[in-house]
Amino acid sequence: MITVNPIDGTKFEVIVKDNSTTTHKVTVVPSYYEKLTNKRVTPEVLVERSFKFLLQRESNTSILRSFELSDISRYFPEYEKNDSGNVGLISVDIDDLTVV
């Protein structure tokens, strides 16, 4: 389970509960948020979808404890785009995620 807690307008605390529980601090720069979403989803939804993306590729214990959202694309170039050229995160299913 993923829980996203806003700290302020650009910073979020993310708690991931799996075999072990981890806590992460994520910064979302407004211009990067707009680039990825065109404001079609909230920053909180973008963060949770980003964690869903990461958890499909690595365990929660492998995810950096503190990072800027744009850092993900350095490790996973497919983060920003899917095959159709759309923002890859917009199509991620988030049924099992919780935003607080």
Protein backbone atom coordinates (compact mmCIF):
# COMPACT_ATOMS: atom_id res chain seq x y z
CA MET A 1 0.00 0.00 0.00
CA ILE A 2 1.18 3.50 -0.85
CA THR A 3 0.21 6.54 1.21
CA VAL A 4 1.04 10.06 0.02
CA ASN A 5 1.06 12.87 2.59
CA PRO A 6 1.57 16.43 1.34
CA ILE A 7 4.18 18.34 3.34
CA ASP A 8 3.82 21.58 1.39
CA GLY A 9 3.07 22.55 -2.21
CA THR A 10 6.05 20.71 -3.67
CA LYS A 11 7.15 18.17 -1.05
CA PHE A 12 5.49 14.88 -0.15
CA GLU A 13 6.06 12.12 2.36
CA VAL A 14 5.39 8.71 0.85
CA ILE A 15 4.94 5.62 3.00
CA VAL A 16 5.14 2.26 1.29
CA LYS A 17 3.94 -0.79 3.19
CA ASP A 18 5.04 -4.10 1.74
CA ASN A 19 7.15 -6.80 3.40
CA SER A 20 8.77 -3.89 5.17
CA THR A 21 7.60 -0.30 5.54
CA THR A 22 9.65 2.52 4.04
CA THR A 23 9.28 6.30 4.14
CA HIS A 24 10.37 8.59 1.32
CA LYS A 25 10.53 12.36 0.81
CA VAL A 26 9.73 13.44 -2.74
CA THR A 27 9.98 16.89 -4.28
CA VAL A 28 7.80 17.74 -7.28
CA VAL A 29 8.94 20.83 -9.16
CA PRO A 30 5.82 22.59 -10.54
CA SER A 31 7.16 22.86 -14.11
CA TYR A 32 7.97 19.13 -14.14
CA TYR A 33 4.52 18.29 -12.77
CA GLU A 34 2.93 20.33 -15.57
CA LYS A 35 5.17 18.74 -18.21
CA LEU A 36 4.12 15.23 -17.16
CA THR A 37 0.43 15.81 -16.51
CA ASN A 38 -0.79 19.01 -18.19
CA LYS A 39 -2.53 19.40 -14.81
CA ARG A 40 -4.85 16.48 -15.65
CA VAL A 41 -4.14 14.90 -12.25
CA THR A 42 -3.11 16.36 -8.90
CA PRO A 43 0.52 16.33 -7.75
CA GLU A 44 -0.47 13.72 -5.13
CA VAL A 45 -1.79 11.41 -7.84
CA LEU A 46 1.37 11.94 -9.88
CA VAL A 47 3.49 10.95 -6.88
CA GLU A 48 1.46 7.83 -6.17
CA ARG A 49 1.51 6.78 -9.84
CA SER A 50 5.25 7.35 -9.85
CA PHE A 51 5.65 5.02 -6.89
CA LYS A 52 3.44 2.44 -8.57
CA PHE A 53 5.77 2.72 -11.58
CA LEU A 54 8.85 2.29 -9.38
CA LEU A 55 7.40 -0.66 -7.48
CA GLN A 56 6.85 -2.47 -10.76
CA ARG A 57 10.62 -2.28 -11.26
CA GLU A 58 12.16 -2.51 -7.79
CA SER A 59 11.30 -3.19 -4.17
CA ASN A 60 10.34 -0.36 -1.84
CA THR A 61 13.59 -0.89 0.08
CA SER A 62 15.55 -0.10 -3.12
CA ILE A 63 13.80 3.22 -3.77
CA LEU A 64 15.80 6.28 -2.72
CA ARG A 65 14.64 7.74 0.60
CA SER A 66 14.75 11.31 -0.67
CA PHE A 67 14.65 12.48 -4.28
CA GLU A 68 13.19 14.87 -6.81
CA LEU A 69 10.56 13.27 -9.03
CA SER A 70 12.52 14.07 -12.20
CA ASP A 71 15.36 11.85 -10.91
CA ILE A 72 13.30 8.78 -11.81
CA SER A 73 13.86 9.28 -15.54
CA ARG A 74 17.63 9.12 -15.03
CA TYR A 75 17.26 5.54 -13.81
CA PHE A 76 14.23 4.60 -15.91
CA PRO A 77 14.09 6.51 -19.23
CA GLU A 78 10.65 5.04 -19.96
CA TYR A 79 9.23 6.88 -16.94
CA GLU A 80 8.19 9.96 -18.90
CA LYS A 81 6.85 8.36 -22.07
CA ASN A 82 4.99 5.26 -23.10
CA ASP A 83 4.97 3.69 -26.57
CA SER A 84 2.25 6.00 -27.87
CA GLY A 85 4.23 9.10 -26.88
CA ASN A 86 1.90 10.00 -24.03
CA VAL A 87 3.04 10.55 -20.51
CA GLY A 88 3.65 7.02 -19.31
CA LEU A 89 2.26 7.66 -15.87
CA ILE A 90 -1.19 8.73 -16.99
CA SER A 91 -2.08 5.17 -17.96
CA VAL A 92 -0.92 3.50 -14.72
CA ASP A 93 -3.70 1.74 -12.80
CA ILE A 94 -3.83 3.02 -9.23
CA ASP A 95 -6.76 1.07 -7.81
CA ASP A 96 -4.71 -0.22 -4.89
CA LEU A 97 -3.26 3.14 -3.86
CA THR A 98 -4.41 5.42 -1.09
CA VAL A 99 -3.97 9.20 -0.98
CA VAL A 100 -4.25 10.81 2.45
